């Protein structure tokens, strides 16, 4: 049976031995690491804004509101979007670091 026009073509399957990216188990864990609480406290130390203000949510907001604020803040300062935001790569990296630290602190405070 032939496929109709509405179907996307089959995607090529990733093969690390052929493509040369190494074993995905070695580097996949890096993408799942979250900033720890103690590291987040070090980043937040000396900041003028608190974690609630950095994420743009009100104090006492629900966990869903914190997650939505985090996603919006990441999109606003992500280094891959410097062309859209007008930030330098270094400034975007530092802003993203602060956003991740604020999220880690609130995650610890809210017990998530």
Protein backbone atom coordinates (compact mmCIF):
# COMPACT_ATOMS: atom_id res chain seq x y z
CA UNK A 1 0.00 0.00 0.00
CA UNK A 2 1.46 3.35 -1.02
CA UNK A 3 1.72 6.27 1.36
CA UNK A 4 -0.39 9.32 0.77
CA UNK A 5 0.94 12.85 0.47
CA UNK A 6 -0.03 13.64 4.06
CA UNK A 7 2.61 11.39 5.61
CA UNK A 8 6.11 12.56 6.43
CA UNK A 9 8.98 10.52 5.05
CA UNK A 10 10.60 8.06 7.42
CA UNK A 11 13.41 9.58 9.46
CA UNK A 12 16.91 8.22 9.28
CA UNK A 13 17.79 6.28 12.41
CA UNK A 14 20.80 7.48 14.41
CA UNK A 15 23.74 5.08 14.40
CA UNK A 16 26.64 6.33 16.56
CA UNK A 17 29.16 3.83 15.17
CA UNK A 18 28.60 5.06 11.62
CA UNK A 19 28.07 8.75 12.34
CA UNK A 20 30.97 9.03 14.76
CA UNK A 21 29.27 10.70 17.71
CA UNK A 22 30.36 8.01 20.15
CA UNK A 23 28.24 6.16 22.63
CA UNK A 24 25.08 8.16 23.38
CA UNK A 25 24.99 6.77 26.93
CA UNK A 26 28.20 8.69 27.67
CA UNK A 27 26.82 12.13 26.79
CA UNK A 28 23.04 11.76 27.09
CA UNK A 29 23.14 12.18 30.89
CA UNK A 30 24.59 15.68 30.48
CA UNK A 31 21.31 16.87 28.98
CA UNK A 32 19.33 15.58 31.95
CA UNK A 33 21.43 17.23 34.65
CA UNK A 34 19.74 19.94 36.66
CA UNK A 35 21.65 22.56 38.60
CA UNK A 36 21.95 21.48 42.21
CA UNK A 37 20.63 23.54 45.09
CA UNK A 38 24.02 24.44 46.53
CA UNK A 39 25.33 25.53 43.13
CA UNK A 40 22.14 27.53 42.58
CA UNK A 41 22.61 29.29 45.93
CA UNK A 42 26.13 30.31 44.89
CA UNK A 43 24.82 31.78 41.62
CA UNK A 44 21.95 33.60 43.37
CA UNK A 45 24.20 35.07 46.07
CA UNK A 46 24.59 38.79 45.47
CA UNK A 47 21.76 39.05 42.92
CA UNK A 48 19.54 42.11 43.16
CA UNK A 49 16.46 40.13 42.14
CA UNK A 50 15.11 37.09 43.92
CA UNK A 51 14.22 33.84 42.19
CA UNK A 52 10.54 34.79 41.92
CA UNK A 53 11.37 38.05 40.15
CA UNK A 54 13.91 36.42 37.81
CA UNK A 55 11.28 33.97 36.62
CA UNK A 56 8.62 36.67 36.48
CA UNK A 57 6.13 34.99 38.81
CA UNK A 58 4.43 36.25 41.95
CA UNK A 59 5.49 35.00 45.37
CA UNK A 60 3.42 32.03 46.40
CA UNK A 61 2.62 31.06 42.82
CA UNK A 62 1.77 27.45 42.02
CA UNK A 63 4.33 24.99 40.70
CA UNK A 64 2.71 25.14 37.25
CA UNK A 65 3.09 28.93 37.20
CA UNK A 66 6.76 28.60 38.21
CA UNK A 67 7.37 26.09 35.40
CA UNK A 68 5.66 28.36 32.86
CA UNK A 69 7.69 31.33 34.09
CA UNK A 70 10.87 29.29 33.79
CA UNK A 71 10.10 28.30 30.21
CA UNK A 72 9.29 31.88 29.26
CA UNK A 73 12.48 33.16 30.89
CA UNK A 74 14.59 30.54 29.11
CA UNK A 75 13.10 31.49 25.76
CA UNK A 76 13.79 35.16 26.46
CA UNK A 77 17.50 34.68 27.14
CA UNK A 78 18.58 31.43 25.51
CA UNK A 79 22.01 31.68 23.80
CA UNK A 80 20.60 30.06 20.64
CA UNK A 81 18.26 33.05 20.23
CA UNK A 82 20.79 35.89 20.44
CA UNK A 83 19.85 37.01 16.95
CA UNK A 84 16.27 37.60 18.09
CA UNK A 85 17.05 39.01 21.54
CA UNK A 86 19.98 41.23 20.64
CA UNK A 87 22.06 39.94 23.55
CA UNK A 88 25.67 38.93 23.24
CA UNK A 89 26.47 35.23 23.64
CA UNK A 90 28.22 35.85 26.97
CA UNK A 91 25.30 37.91 28.34
CA UNK A 92 22.79 35.29 27.22
CA UNK A 93 24.83 32.54 28.86
CA UNK A 94 24.98 34.44 32.16
CA UNK A 95 21.26 35.26 32.03
CA UNK A 96 20.42 31.62 31.37
CA UNK A 97 22.62 30.59 34.28
CA UNK A 98 20.67 32.94 36.58
CA UNK A 99 17.33 31.61 35.29
CA UNK A 100 18.42 28.01 35.90
CA UNK A 101 19.63 28.91 39.39
CA UNK A 102 16.35 30.65 40.22
CA UNK A 103 14.41 27.62 39.05
CA UNK A 104 16.58 25.25 41.12
CA UNK A 105 16.09 27.39 44.25
CA UNK A 106 12.31 27.52 43.79
CA UNK A 107 12.20 23.82 43.03
CA UNK A 108 13.94 23.17 46.36
CA UNK A 109 11.67 25.63 48.22
CA UNK A 110 8.51 24.10 46.78
CA UNK A 111 9.68 20.56 47.45
CA UNK A 112 9.62 19.37 43.85
